[in-house]
Amino acid sequence: MVTTLSAGALRYTVATDFTSVWRVLLTGRVLNEFTGRGVDFELQTDPASLFVRVIPDGGFAIAGYPELDVPPTPDPSMLVQLDFQASGYRPARHVVPLPSAGPWPVEWPPVLLRPLPGVLQGRVTQDVTPSVPLAGAHVFAQDPAQHAVLLRTPVLADASAGTPVREIQLNPVPLVGPAKHLVAPAAPGDTRVMLNDRQGIVAGNLLRLDDARLGQLARIQAVSLAPADLTLPGDVTLTLPLQVSLPAGTPCVQFAAAVVNPPDKHLAHAIAADEAFLRLDADVAASVLELTHGTDPSEYHDLGALTDAAGYYAVSGFGGLAAVQLNASAGGFPPPPHPPPRGPPY
């Protein structure tokens, strides 16, 4: 279309190439993966020329000029990258195909953000007045509806639904030489530790580094032969990195692992690194689980938290579910029959 415009003594002939229309191209919602509630979030797009409007209760809309932002191509659509971030949640990236010729808006399925896990802590006491703390009490998940289990230490890596999980029995290995301990500090991420003595330490067995309440289970990959005198301090290599720092003098106890209660169980839902709750497809009776990772090394975890001398317990990784029933047991005290459900404060 050609239009003639006059401005004072000047006349302009304007040829309009096209008419652009501001349109809503994409809509959707961002929800807490476990509660289904809307999340306050931030959204960035690529291309960045798109206009983003965040709506209360987790809604969002993306608008633009289709002729400019979604130009015609030989392909029927173009890919738009959406990056979601929210305080207290893992980030998520979605790649959305926008049709080059409409129809618009595209309604995208709900974006589920996974909350970051927190710390579960509390105290176990006798039901008397004044209260008396119970040392060495066992805090565990008692939730047959979800087949949920509480790990004493968080998982190291993500695992998808269907991942095999094995029940394990730990058999103490007879001690050869003096009791084993670290002679040098170890840091998170280390896969090599130095023991005071390597006599009787065998690759393929498990080490519990630190005591039963705080210790991490790790499979031995290799035992250094240098120095050749095994009574002298030397390195032991682990298949997976340490999760926490350990000071010199930390006790180390060796176990042989045996699979019990076959067949394998499986993850009923995906788990993310740093979470300590698993939801399985069946209940377990063993006190240790092996979480497999295909061709990568397996993880080994004690089940349930133990209280200290003052009756307190703490477990990192409280997350991965909306709510869970927790219970406690101690020698001479029956577990409460109806444990109340607890949910992370998402």
C-alpha atoms as a PDB file:
ATOM      1  CA  MET A   1       0.000   0.000   0.000  1.00  0.00           C
ATOM      2  CA  VAL A   2       1.285   3.484  -0.982  1.00  0.00           C
ATOM      3  CA  THR A   3       0.398   6.583   1.076  1.00  0.00           C
ATOM      4  CA  THR A   4       1.237  10.255   0.360  1.00  0.00           C
ATOM      5  CA  LEU A   5       1.936  12.477   3.387  1.00  0.00           C
ATOM      6  CA  SER A   6       2.420  16.263   3.456  1.00  0.00           C
ATOM      7  CA  ALA A   7       4.603  18.090   5.987  1.00  0.00           C
ATOM      8  CA  GLY A   8       4.806  21.805   5.335  1.00  0.00           C
ATOM      9  CA  ALA A   9       6.205  22.314   1.874  1.00  0.00           C
ATOM     10  CA  LEU A  10       7.366  18.711   1.648  1.00  0.00           C
ATOM     11  CA  ARG A  11       5.434  15.735   0.379  1.00  0.00           C
ATOM     12  CA  TYR A  12       6.412  12.112   1.221  1.00  0.00           C
ATOM     13  CA  THR A  13       5.376   8.938  -0.538  1.00  0.00           C
ATOM     14  CA  VAL A  14       5.363   6.048   1.970  1.00  0.00           C
ATOM     15  CA  ALA A  15       5.269   2.412   0.842  1.00  0.00           C
ATOM     16  CA  THR A  16       4.205   0.038   3.618  1.00  0.00           C
ATOM     17  CA  ASP A  17       6.121  -3.259   3.429  1.00  0.00           C
ATOM     18  CA  PHE A  18       3.943  -5.099   5.934  1.00  0.00           C
ATOM     19  CA  THR A  19       1.673  -4.608   8.911  1.00  0.00           C
ATOM     20  CA  SER A  20       2.960  -6.083  12.140  1.00  0.00           C
ATOM     21  CA  VAL A  21       0.565  -7.192  14.863  1.00  0.00           C
ATOM     22  CA  TRP A  22       1.479  -7.547  18.526  1.00  0.00           C
ATOM     23  CA  ARG A  23       0.356 -11.045  19.534  1.00  0.00           C
ATOM     24  CA  VAL A  24       0.499 -13.366  22.514  1.00  0.00           C
ATOM     25  CA  LEU A  25       2.554 -16.296  21.230  1.00  0.00           C
ATOM     26  CA  LEU A  26       2.861 -18.621  24.234  1.00  0.00           C
ATOM     27  CA  THR A  27       1.177 -19.095  27.620  1.00  0.00           C
ATOM     28  CA  GLY A  28       1.799 -21.450  30.521  1.00  0.00           C
ATOM     29  CA  ARG A  29       2.172 -21.918  34.274  1.00  0.00           C
ATOM     30  CA  VAL A  30       5.073 -22.694  36.592  1.00  0.00           C
ATOM     31  CA  LEU A  31       4.263 -25.040  39.482  1.00  0.00           C
ATOM     32  CA  ASN A  32       5.967 -26.641  42.466  1.00  0.00           C
ATOM     33  CA  GLU A  33       6.640 -30.215  41.305  1.00  0.00           C
ATOM     34  CA  PHE A  34       5.356 -31.748  44.547  1.00  0.00           C
ATOM     35  CA  THR A  35       2.572 -29.453  45.768  1.00  0.00           C
ATOM     36  CA  GLY A  36       1.183 -28.295  42.414  1.00  0.00           C
ATOM     37  CA  ARG A  37       1.084 -24.704  43.660  1.00  0.00           C
ATOM     38  CA  GLY A  38       2.168 -21.703  41.640  1.00  0.00           C
ATOM     39  CA  VAL A  39       5.740 -20.448  42.025  1.00  0.00           C
ATOM     40  CA  ASP A  40       7.189 -16.937  41.957  1.00  0.00           C
ATOM     41  CA  PHE A  41       9.820 -17.109  39.235  1.00  0.00           C
ATOM     42  CA  GLU A  42      11.911 -15.293  36.656  1.00  0.00           C
ATOM     43  CA  LEU A  43      11.918 -16.143  32.954  1.00  0.00           C
ATOM     44  CA  GLN A  44      14.420 -15.354  30.219  1.00  0.00           C
ATOM     45  CA  THR A  45      13.953 -16.180  26.536  1.00  0.00           C
ATOM     46  CA  ASP A  46      16.162 -16.754  23.536  1.00  0.00           C
ATOM     47  CA  PRO A  47      15.566 -14.818  21.322  1.00  0.00           C
ATOM     48  CA  ALA A  48      15.598 -12.037  23.882  1.00  0.00           C
ATOM     49  CA  SER A  49      13.373  -9.780  21.724  1.00  0.00           C
ATOM     50  CA  LEU A  50      10.257 -11.563  22.999  1.00  0.00           C
ATOM     51  CA  PHE A  51       8.225  -9.794  25.655  1.00  0.00           C
ATOM     52  CA  VAL A  52       7.678 -11.733  28.911  1.00  0.00           C
ATOM     53  CA  ARG A  53       4.817 -11.097  31.296  1.00  0.00           C
ATOM     54  CA  VAL A  54       4.781 -13.014  34.603  1.00  0.00           C
ATOM     55  CA  ILE A  55       1.363 -13.401  36.143  1.00  0.00           C
ATOM     56  CA  PRO A  56       0.666 -14.052  39.861  1.00  0.00           C
ATOM     57  CA  ASP A  57       0.275 -17.668  40.959  1.00  0.00           C
ATOM     58  CA  GLY A  58       2.809 -18.968  38.472  1.00  0.00           C
ATOM     59  CA  GLY A  59       1.324 -17.872  35.133  1.00  0.00           C
ATOM     60  CA  PHE A  60       3.289 -16.436  32.250  1.00  0.00           C
ATOM     61  CA  ALA A  61       2.677 -15.125  28.749  1.00  0.00           C
ATOM     62  CA  ILE A  62       5.158 -14.420  25.967  1.00  0.00           C
ATOM     63  CA  ALA A  63       4.280 -11.921  23.251  1.00  0.00           C
ATOM     64  CA  GLY A  64       5.917 -10.386  20.240  1.00  0.00           C
ATOM     65  CA  TYR A  65       5.626  -9.498  16.574  1.00  0.00           C
ATOM     66  CA  PRO A  66       5.353 -12.804  14.684  1.00  0.00           C
ATOM     67  CA  GLU A  67       6.686 -11.290  11.464  1.00  0.00           C
ATOM     68  CA  LEU A  68       9.868 -10.218  13.264  1.00  0.00           C
ATOM     69  CA  ASP A  69      10.259 -12.680  16.135  1.00  0.00           C
ATOM     70  CA  VAL A  70       9.006 -15.793  14.311  1.00  0.00           C
ATOM     71  CA  PRO A  71      10.063 -15.147  10.716  1.00  0.00           C
ATOM     72  CA  PRO A  72       8.964 -17.595   8.004  1.00  0.00           C
ATOM     73  CA  THR A  73      11.462 -20.390   7.491  1.00  0.00           C
ATOM     74  CA  PRO A  74      11.515 -23.632   5.514  1.00  0.00           C
ATOM     75  CA  ASP A  75      10.713 -25.336   8.821  1.00  0.00           C
ATOM     76  CA  PRO A  76       7.123 -25.164  10.100  1.00  0.00           C
ATOM     77  CA  SER A  77       8.302 -23.776  13.452  1.00  0.00           C
ATOM     78  CA  MET A  78      11.191 -22.107  15.237  1.00  0.00           C
ATOM     79  CA  LEU A  79      12.637 -23.121  18.595  1.00  0.00           C
ATOM     80  CA  VAL A  80      12.402 -20.721  21.532  1.00  0.00           C
ATOM     81  CA  GLN A  81      14.497 -21.378  24.616  1.00  0.00           C
ATOM     82  CA  LEU A  82      12.886 -20.651  27.997  1.00  0.00           C
ATOM     83  CA  ASP A  83      15.030 -20.477  31.161  1.00  0.00           C
ATOM     84  CA  PHE A  84      13.110 -20.567  34.452  1.00  0.00           C
ATOM     85  CA  GLN A  85      14.651 -19.612  37.787  1.00  0.00           C
ATOM     86  CA  ALA A  86      13.063 -19.315  41.230  1.00  0.00           C
ATOM     87  CA  SER A  87      14.508 -18.850  44.696  1.00  0.00           C
ATOM     88  CA  GLY A  88      14.676 -22.205  46.470  1.00  0.00           C
ATOM     89  CA  TYR A  89      14.179 -24.274  43.300  1.00  0.00           C
ATOM     90  CA  ARG A  90      16.362 -26.005  40.744  1.00  0.00           C
ATOM     91  CA  PRO A  91      16.480 -24.073  37.444  1.00  0.00           C
ATOM     92  CA  ALA A  92      14.744 -25.528  34.412  1.00  0.00           C
ATOM     93  CA  ARG A  93      15.168 -25.063  30.673  1.00  0.00           C
ATOM     94  CA  HIS A  94      12.470 -25.789  28.100  1.00  0.00           C
ATOM     95  CA  VAL A  95      12.819 -25.538  24.325  1.00  0.00           C
ATOM     96  CA  VAL A  96       9.448 -24.714  22.772  1.00  0.00           C
ATOM     97  CA  PRO A  97       8.591 -24.981  19.047  1.00  0.00           C
ATOM     98  CA  LEU A  98       6.584 -21.924  17.978  1.00  0.00           C
ATOM     99  CA  PRO A  99       4.681 -22.312  14.699  1.00  0.00           C
ATOM    100  CA  SER A 100       5.879 -19.842  12.099  1.00  0.00           C
ATOM    101  CA  ALA A 101       2.367 -19.218  10.762  1.00  0.00           C
ATOM    102  CA  GLY A 102       0.266 -19.771  13.896  1.00  0.00           C
ATOM    103  CA  PRO A 103      -2.139 -20.501  15.340  1.00  0.00           C
ATOM    104  CA  TRP A 104      -1.177 -18.550  18.446  1.00  0.00           C
ATOM    105  CA  PRO A 105      -0.978 -18.584  21.395  1.00  0.00           C
ATOM    106  CA  VAL A 106       0.555 -21.979  22.042  1.00  0.00           C
ATOM    107  CA  GLU A 107      -0.499 -23.349  25.445  1.00  0.00           C
ATOM    108  CA  TRP A 108       2.567 -25.031  26.955  1.00  0.00           C
ATOM    109  CA  PRO A 109       2.149 -27.848  29.524  1.00  0.00           C
ATOM    110  CA  PRO A 110       2.863 -26.862  33.155  1.00  0.00           C
ATOM    111  CA  VAL A 111       6.522 -26.276  33.948  1.00  0.00           C
ATOM    112  CA  LEU A 112       7.367 -28.204  37.134  1.00  0.00           C
ATOM    113  CA  LEU A 113      10.181 -26.740  39.258  1.00  0.00           C
ATOM    114  CA  ARG A 114      11.787 -29.076  41.789  1.00  0.00           C
ATOM    115  CA  PRO A 115      12.355 -27.514  45.223  1.00  0.00           C
ATOM    116  CA  LEU A 116      15.838 -27.633  46.686  1.00  0.00           C
ATOM    117  CA  PRO A 117      16.030 -29.964  49.697  1.00  0.00           C
ATOM    118  CA  GLY A 118      16.387 -28.653  53.225  1.00  0.00           C
ATOM    119  CA  VAL A 119      17.537 -30.095  56.543  1.00  0.00           C
ATOM    120  CA  LEU A 120      15.334 -32.394  58.613  1.00  0.00           C
ATOM    121  CA  GLN A 121      16.121 -32.051  62.299  1.00  0.00           C
ATOM    122  CA  GLY A 122      14.461 -32.789  65.599  1.00  0.00           C
ATOM    123  CA  ARG A 123      14.749 -34.550  68.923  1.00  0.00           C
ATOM    124  CA  VAL A 124      13.621 -37.888  70.311  1.00  0.00           C
ATOM    125  CA  THR A 125      12.713 -38.046  74.007  1.00  0.00           C
ATOM    126  CA  GLN A 126      10.890 -40.304  76.420  1.00  0.00           C
ATOM    127  CA  ASP A 127       7.206 -39.503  76.895  1.00  0.00           C
ATOM    128  CA  VAL A 128       7.702 -38.345  80.491  1.00  0.00           C
ATOM    129  CA  THR A 129       7.791 -35.029  82.328  1.00  0.00           C
ATOM    130  CA  PRO A 130      10.390 -33.620  82.393  1.00  0.00           C
ATOM    131  CA  SER A 131      11.447 -35.099  79.058  1.00  0.00           C
ATOM    132  CA  VAL A 132      14.470 -37.385  78.917  1.00  0.00           C
ATOM    133  CA  PRO A 133      16.465 -37.527  75.640  1.00  0.00           C
ATOM    134  CA  LEU A 134      17.016 -40.869  73.941  1.00  0.00           C
ATOM    135  CA  ALA A 135      20.505 -41.378  72.546  1.00  0.00           C
ATOM    136  CA  GLY A 136      20.938 -43.704  69.575  1.00  0.00           C
ATOM    137  CA  ALA A 137      17.242 -43.622  68.648  1.00  0.00           C
ATOM    138  CA  HIS A 138      16.455 -44.476  65.032  1.00  0.00           C
ATOM    139  CA  VAL A 139      14.345 -42.008  62.999  1.00  0.00           C
ATOM    140  CA  PHE A 140      12.939 -43.554  59.833  1.00  0.00           C
ATOM    141  CA  ALA A 141      10.245 -43.182  57.179  1.00  0.00           C
ATOM    142  CA  GLN A 142       7.136 -45.251  57.852  1.00  0.00           C
ATOM    143  CA  ASP A 143       5.047 -44.529  54.795  1.00  0.00           C
ATOM    144  CA  PRO A 144       3.783 -47.692  53.062  1.00  0.00           C
ATOM    145  CA  ALA A 145       1.538 -45.674  50.727  1.00  0.00           C
ATOM    146  CA  GLN A 146       4.617 -44.176  49.047  1.00  0.00           C
ATOM    147  CA  HIS A 147       7.136 -46.936  49.950  1.00  0.00           C
ATOM    148  CA  ALA A 148       9.290 -44.004  51.064  1.00  0.00           C
ATOM    149  CA  VAL A 149      12.664 -44.449  52.737  1.00  0.00           C
ATOM    150  CA  LEU A 150      14.908 -41.919  54.456  1.00  0.00           C
ATOM    151  CA  LEU A 151      18.624 -42.141  53.679  1.00  0.00           C
ATOM    152  CA  ARG A 152      21.153 -41.137  56.317  1.00  0.00           C
ATOM    153  CA  THR A 153      23.177 -39.311  53.667  1.00  0.00           C
ATOM    154  CA  PRO A 154      21.883 -37.558  50.510  1.00  0.00           C
ATOM    155  CA  VAL A 155      22.367 -39.140  47.109  1.00  0.00           C
ATOM    156  CA  LEU A 156      25.304 -37.957  45.032  1.00  0.00           C
ATOM    157  CA  ALA A 157      23.723 -38.036  41.573  1.00  0.00           C
ATOM    158  CA  ASP A 158      20.348 -37.812  39.855  1.00  0.00           C
ATOM    159  CA  ALA A 159      18.552 -41.076  39.124  1.00  0.00           C
ATOM    160  CA  SER A 160      15.466 -41.639  36.989  1.00  0.00           C
ATOM    161  CA  ALA A 161      12.300 -43.557  37.791  1.00  0.00           C
ATOM    162  CA  GLY A 162      12.827 -47.280  37.290  1.00  0.00           C
ATOM    163  CA  THR A 163      16.435 -47.253  38.549  1.00  0.00           C
ATOM    164  CA  PRO A 164      17.165 -50.556  40.355  1.00  0.00           C
ATOM    165  CA  VAL A 165      17.651 -50.373  44.128  1.00  0.00           C
ATOM    166  CA  ARG A 166      19.057 -53.343  46.045  1.00  0.00           C
ATOM    167  CA  GLU A 167      18.738 -54.223  49.726  1.00  0.00           C
ATOM    168  CA  ILE A 168      22.160 -54.762  51.287  1.00  0.00           C
ATOM    169  CA  GLN A 169      23.472 -56.475  54.388  1.00  0.00           C
ATOM    170  CA  LEU A 170      26.800 -55.268  55.796  1.00  0.00           C
ATOM    171  CA  ASN A 171      29.032 -57.995  57.199  1.00  0.00           C
ATOM    172  CA  PRO A 172      31.985 -56.748  59.283  1.00  0.00           C
ATOM    173  CA  VAL A 173      35.363 -57.795  57.892  1.00  0.00           C
ATOM    174  CA  PRO A 174      37.730 -59.227  60.551  1.00  0.00           C
ATOM    175  CA  LEU A 175      40.224 -56.566  61.555  1.00  0.00           C
ATOM    176  CA  VAL A 176      43.834 -57.147  60.527  1.00  0.00           C
ATOM    177  CA  GLY A 177      46.330 -55.035  62.408  1.00  0.00           C
ATOM    178  CA  PRO A 178      45.305 -51.878  64.315  1.00  0.00           C
ATOM    179  CA  ALA A 179      41.955 -50.088  64.031  1.00  0.00           C
ATOM    180  CA  LYS A 180      41.862 -48.007  60.868  1.00  0.00           C
ATOM    181  CA  HIS A 181      41.601 -44.227  60.776  1.00  0.00           C
ATOM    182  CA  LEU A 182      42.502 -41.289  58.558  1.00  0.00           C
ATOM    183  CA  VAL A 183      45.969 -39.875  59.045  1.00  0.00           C
ATOM    184  CA  ALA A 184      45.252 -36.787  56.906  1.00  0.00           C
ATOM    185  CA  PRO A 185      42.133 -34.627  56.535  1.00  0.00           C
ATOM    186  CA  ALA A 186      39.830 -35.306  53.587  1.00  0.00           C
ATOM    187  CA  ALA A 187      37.667 -32.749  51.783  1.00  0.00           C
ATOM    188  CA  PRO A 188      34.304 -33.004  50.014  1.00  0.00           C
ATOM    189  CA  GLY A 189      34.875 -34.309  46.491  1.00  0.00           C
ATOM    190  CA  ASP A 190      37.992 -36.294  47.400  1.00  0.00           C
ATOM    191  CA  THR A 191      38.149 -39.842  46.059  1.00  0.00           C
ATOM    192  CA  ARG A 192      41.384 -40.743  47.829  1.00  0.00           C
ATOM    193  CA  VAL A 193      41.974 -41.013  51.567  1.00  0.00           C
ATOM    194  CA  MET A 194      45.072 -41.963  53.556  1.00  0.00           C
ATOM    195  CA  LEU A 195      44.741 -44.663  56.210  1.00  0.00           C
ATOM    196  CA  ASN A 196      47.133 -45.317  59.067  1.00  0.00           C
ATOM    197  CA  ASP A 197      47.372 -49.012  58.061  1.00  0.00           C
ATOM    198  CA  ARG A 198      46.301 -50.950  54.926  1.00  0.00           C
ATOM    199  CA  GLN A 199      46.499 -54.513  56.247  1.00  0.00           C
ATOM    200  CA  GLY A 200      43.342 -56.436  55.385  1.00  0.00           C
ATOM    201  CA  ILE A 201      41.831 -53.599  53.305  1.00  0.00           C
ATOM    202  CA  VAL A 202      40.407 -55.160  50.138  1.00  0.00           C
ATOM    203  CA  ALA A 203      39.147 -53.534  46.931  1.00  0.00           C
ATOM    204  CA  GLY A 204      35.423 -54.139  46.410  1.00  0.00           C
ATOM    205  CA  ASN A 205      34.563 -53.936  50.102  1.00  0.00           C
ATOM    206  CA  LEU A 206      32.867 -50.926  51.690  1.00  0.00           C
ATOM    207  CA  LEU A 207      34.346 -48.433  54.146  1.00  0.00           C
ATOM    208  CA  ARG A 208      32.226 -46.544  56.625  1.00  0.00           C
ATOM    209  CA  LEU A 209      34.118 -43.323  57.202  1.00  0.00           C
ATOM    210  CA  ASP A 210      33.217 -41.854  60.613  1.00  0.00           C
ATOM    211  CA  ASP A 211      30.784 -43.367  63.100  1.00  0.00           C
ATOM    212  CA  ALA A 212      27.425 -45.011  62.390  1.00  0.00           C
ATOM    213  CA  ARG A 213      25.526 -41.748  63.038  1.00  0.00           C
ATOM    214  CA  LEU A 214      27.497 -39.466  60.727  1.00  0.00           C
ATOM    215  CA  GLY A 215      29.489 -41.800  58.497  1.00  0.00           C
ATOM    216  CA  GLN A 216      29.428 -42.162  54.718  1.00  0.00           C
ATOM    217  CA  LEU A 217      29.570 -45.570  53.051  1.00  0.00           C
ATOM    218  CA  ALA A 218      32.006 -45.793  50.135  1.00  0.00           C
ATOM    219  CA  ARG A 219      33.177 -48.723  48.005  1.00  0.00           C
ATOM    220  CA  ILE A 220      36.935 -49.298  47.837  1.00  0.00           C
ATOM    221  CA  GLN A 221      38.230 -49.107  44.275  1.00  0.00           C
ATOM    222  CA  ALA A 222      41.929 -49.690  44.918  1.00  0.00           C
ATOM    223  CA  VAL A 223      44.484 -49.966  47.719  1.00  0.00           C
ATOM    224  CA  SER A 224      47.841 -48.350  47.031  1.00  0.00           C
ATOM    225  CA  LEU A 225      50.886 -50.620  47.236  1.00  0.00           C
ATOM    226  CA  ALA A 226      53.181 -47.709  48.036  1.00  0.00           C
ATOM    227  CA  PRO A 227      54.783 -47.905  50.449  1.00  0.00           C
ATOM    228  CA  ALA A 228      55.132 -51.664  50.144  1.00  0.00           C
ATOM    229  CA  ASP A 229      54.987 -52.069  53.926  1.00  0.00           C
ATOM    230  CA  LEU A 230      51.208 -52.161  54.498  1.00  0.00           C
ATOM    231  CA  THR A 231      51.665 -51.317  58.165  1.00  0.00           C
ATOM    232  CA  LEU A 232      52.677 -47.807  57.089  1.00  0.00           C
ATOM    233  CA  PRO A 233      50.160 -45.101  56.081  1.00  0.00           C
ATOM    234  CA  GLY A 234      48.989 -45.285  52.468  1.00  0.00           C
ATOM    235  CA  ASP A 235      46.234 -44.245  50.081  1.00  0.00           C
ATOM    236  CA  VAL A 236      42.909 -45.957  49.491  1.00  0.00           C
ATOM    237  CA  THR A 237      40.930 -44.894  46.397  1.00  0.00           C
ATOM    238  CA  LEU A 238      37.117 -44.781  46.539  1.00  0.00           C
ATOM    239  CA  THR A 239      34.707 -45.243  43.634  1.00  0.00           C
ATOM    240  CA  LEU A 240      32.747 -42.070  44.479  1.00  0.00           C
ATOM    241  CA  PRO A 241      33.693 -38.720  46.064  1.00  0.00           C
ATOM    242  CA  LEU A 242      33.227 -37.864  49.705  1.00  0.00           C
ATOM    243  CA  GLN A 243      30.223 -35.728  50.629  1.00  0.00           C
ATOM    244  CA  VAL A 244      31.658 -34.020  53.731  1.00  0.00           C
ATOM    245  CA  SER A 245      35.014 -33.030  55.149  1.00  0.00           C
ATOM    246  CA  LEU A 246      36.655 -35.477  57.538  1.00  0.00           C
ATOM    247  CA  PRO A 247      39.444 -34.638  59.989  1.00  0.00           C
ATOM    248  CA  ALA A 248      42.537 -36.702  60.653  1.00  0.00           C
ATOM    249  CA  GLY A 249      41.707 -39.434  63.145  1.00  0.00           C
ATOM    250  CA  THR A 250      38.284 -40.203  61.625  1.00  0.00           C
ATOM    251  CA  PRO A 251      37.578 -43.915  62.218  1.00  0.00           C
ATOM    252  CA  CYS A 252      37.131 -46.191  59.198  1.00  0.00           C
ATOM    253  CA  VAL A 253      35.463 -49.612  59.433  1.00  0.00           C
ATOM    254  CA  GLN A 254      35.459 -52.167  56.591  1.00  0.00           C
ATOM    255  CA  PHE A 255      32.437 -54.243  55.567  1.00  0.00           C
ATOM    256  CA  ALA A 256      31.630 -56.852  52.942  1.00  0.00           C
ATOM    257  CA  ALA A 257      28.317 -56.122  51.205  1.00  0.00           C
ATOM    258  CA  ALA A 258      25.824 -58.882  50.422  1.00  0.00           C
ATOM    259  CA  VAL A 259      22.560 -58.481  48.492  1.00  0.00           C
ATOM    260  CA  VAL A 260      19.510 -59.640  50.472  1.00  0.00           C
ATOM    261  CA  ASN A 261      15.739 -59.815  49.947  1.00  0.00           C
ATOM    262  CA  PRO A 262      15.714 -60.166  46.150  1.00  0.00           C
ATOM    263  CA  PRO A 263      14.441 -59.193  43.672  1.00  0.00           C
ATOM    264  CA  ASP A 264      15.607 -55.610  43.112  1.00  0.00           C
ATOM    265  CA  LYS A 265      13.273 -52.764  43.981  1.00  0.00           C
ATOM    266  CA  HIS A 266      13.035 -49.697  41.727  1.00  0.00           C
ATOM    267  CA  LEU A 267      12.632 -45.964  42.067  1.00  0.00           C
ATOM    268  CA  ALA A 268       8.978 -45.082  41.602  1.00  0.00           C
ATOM    269  CA  HIS A 269       9.910 -41.425  41.037  1.00  0.00           C
ATOM    270  CA  ALA A 270      13.075 -39.675  39.894  1.00  0.00           C
ATOM    271  CA  ILE A 271      15.441 -38.446  42.573  1.00  0.00           C
ATOM    272  CA  ALA A 272      17.805 -35.476  42.345  1.00  0.00           C
ATOM    273  CA  ALA A 273      21.289 -35.096  43.774  1.00  0.00           C
ATOM    274  CA  ASP A 274      21.373 -33.922  47.420  1.00  0.00           C
ATOM    275  CA  GLU A 275      17.963 -35.443  48.260  1.00  0.00           C
ATOM    276  CA  ALA A 276      17.680 -38.077  50.984  1.00  0.00           C
ATOM    277  CA  PHE A 277      14.205 -39.544  50.378  1.00  0.00           C
ATOM    278  CA  LEU A 278      13.502 -42.328  47.907  1.00  0.00           C
ATOM    279  CA  ARG A 279      10.056 -43.433  46.787  1.00  0.00           C
ATOM    280  CA  LEU A 280      10.167 -47.068  45.698  1.00  0.00           C
ATOM    281  CA  ASP A 281       7.835 -49.573  44.087  1.00  0.00           C
ATOM    282  CA  ALA A 282       7.903 -51.824  47.194  1.00  0.00           C
ATOM    283  CA  ASP A 283       8.812 -51.688  50.875  1.00  0.00           C
ATOM    284  CA  VAL A 284      12.268 -52.721  52.068  1.00  0.00           C
ATOM    285  CA  ALA A 285      13.391 -54.517  55.223  1.00  0.00           C
ATOM    286  CA  ALA A 286      17.190 -54.107  55.081  1.00  0.00           C
ATOM    287  CA  SER A 287      19.069 -51.308  56.826  1.00  0.00           C
ATOM    288  CA  VAL A 288      21.285 -50.421  53.840  1.00  0.00           C
ATOM    289  CA  LEU A 289      20.414 -49.748  50.194  1.00  0.00           C
ATOM    290  CA  GLU A 290      22.474 -49.791  47.006  1.00  0.00           C
ATOM    291  CA  LEU A 291      21.362 -47.187  44.479  1.00  0.00           C
ATOM    292  CA  THR A 292      22.613 -48.273  41.076  1.00  0.00           C
ATOM    293  CA  HIS A 293      23.686 -45.912  38.296  1.00  0.00           C
ATOM    294  CA  GLY A 294      24.001 -48.179  35.267  1.00  0.00           C
ATOM    295  CA  THR A 295      27.631 -48.288  34.164  1.00  0.00           C
ATOM    296  CA  ASP A 296      28.606 -45.696  36.800  1.00  0.00           C
ATOM    297  CA  PRO A 297      29.515 -46.732  40.360  1.00  0.00           C
ATOM    298  CA  SER A 298      26.680 -47.517  42.767  1.00  0.00           C
ATOM    299  CA  GLU A 299      25.965 -45.522  45.910  1.00  0.00           C
ATOM    300  CA  TYR A 300      25.468 -47.129  49.330  1.00  0.00           C
ATOM    301  CA  HIS A 301      23.347 -45.560  52.041  1.00  0.00           C
ATOM    302  CA  ASP A 302      22.318 -46.408  55.593  1.00  0.00           C
ATOM    303  CA  LEU A 303      18.598 -45.965  56.236  1.00  0.00           C
ATOM    304  CA  GLY A 304      17.255 -43.600  58.862  1.00  0.00           C
ATOM    305  CA  ALA A 305      18.880 -41.027  61.138  1.00  0.00           C
ATOM    306  CA  LEU A 306      20.409 -41.713  64.559  1.00  0.00           C
ATOM    307  CA  THR A 307      20.192 -39.354  67.533  1.00  0.00           C
ATOM    308  CA  ASP A 308      23.187 -38.046  69.439  1.00  0.00           C
ATOM    309  CA  ALA A 309      23.742 -38.162  73.206  1.00  0.00           C
ATOM    310  CA  ALA A 310      21.223 -35.330  73.710  1.00  0.00           C
ATOM    311  CA  GLY A 311      18.552 -36.996  71.549  1.00  0.00           C
ATOM    312  CA  TYR A 312      18.999 -34.679  68.550  1.00  0.00           C
ATOM    313  CA  TYR A 313      19.125 -35.788  64.915  1.00  0.00           C
ATOM    314  CA  ALA A 314      19.659 -33.978  61.618  1.00  0.00           C
ATOM    315  CA  VAL A 315      19.547 -35.166  58.014  1.00  0.00           C
ATOM    316  CA  SER A 316      20.407 -33.113  54.953  1.00  0.00           C
ATOM    317  CA  GLY A 317      18.249 -33.643  51.904  1.00  0.00           C
ATOM    318  CA  PHE A 318      14.674 -33.228  53.213  1.00  0.00           C
ATOM    319  CA  GLY A 319      12.833 -33.019  49.899  1.00  0.00           C
ATOM    320  CA  GLY A 320      11.693 -34.940  46.865  1.00  0.00           C
ATOM    321  CA  LEU A 321       8.103 -35.378  48.094  1.00  0.00           C
ATOM    322  CA  ALA A 322       5.131 -33.352  49.317  1.00  0.00           C
ATOM    323  CA  ALA A 323       4.853 -35.024  52.732  1.00  0.00           C
ATOM    324  CA  VAL A 324       6.082 -38.159  54.492  1.00  0.00           C
ATOM    325  CA  GLN A 325       5.316 -40.091  57.666  1.00  0.00           C
ATOM    326  CA  LEU A 326       8.288 -40.334  60.028  1.00  0.00           C
ATOM    327  CA  ASN A 327       8.616 -42.525  63.088  1.00  0.00           C
ATOM    328  CA  ALA A 328      11.246 -43.312  65.722  1.00  0.00           C
ATOM    329  CA  SER A 329      12.354 -46.363  67.634  1.00  0.00           C
ATOM    330  CA  ALA A 330      14.710 -46.964  70.554  1.00  0.00           C
ATOM    331  CA  GLY A 331      15.656 -49.971  72.629  1.00  0.00           C
ATOM    332  CA  GLY A 332      12.894 -50.770  75.105  1.00  0.00           C
ATOM    333  CA  PHE A 333      10.435 -48.294  73.556  1.00  0.00           C
ATOM    334  CA  PRO A 334       7.836 -49.341  70.942  1.00  0.00           C
ATOM    335  CA  PRO A 335       7.443 -46.950  67.980  1.00  0.00           C
ATOM    336  CA  PRO A 336       4.361 -44.701  68.133  1.00  0.00           C
ATOM    337  CA  PRO A 337       1.496 -46.434  66.275  1.00  0.00           C
ATOM    338  CA  HIS A 338       0.300 -43.421  64.250  1.00  0.00           C
ATOM    339  CA  PRO A 339       3.179 -41.177  63.179  1.00  0.00           C
ATOM    340  CA  PRO A 340       2.027 -37.780  61.874  1.00  0.00           C
ATOM    341  CA  PRO A 341       2.914 -36.750  58.304  1.00  0.00           C
ATOM    342  CA  ARG A 342       5.500 -34.039  57.840  1.00  0.00           C
ATOM    343  CA  GLY A 343       6.080 -31.923  54.791  1.00  0.00           C
ATOM    344  CA  PRO A 344       9.003 -29.694  53.765  1.00  0.00           C
ATOM    345  CA  PRO A 345       8.074 -25.987  54.072  1.00  0.00           C
ATOM    346  CA  TYR A 346       8.108 -25.351  50.335  1.00  0.00           C
END
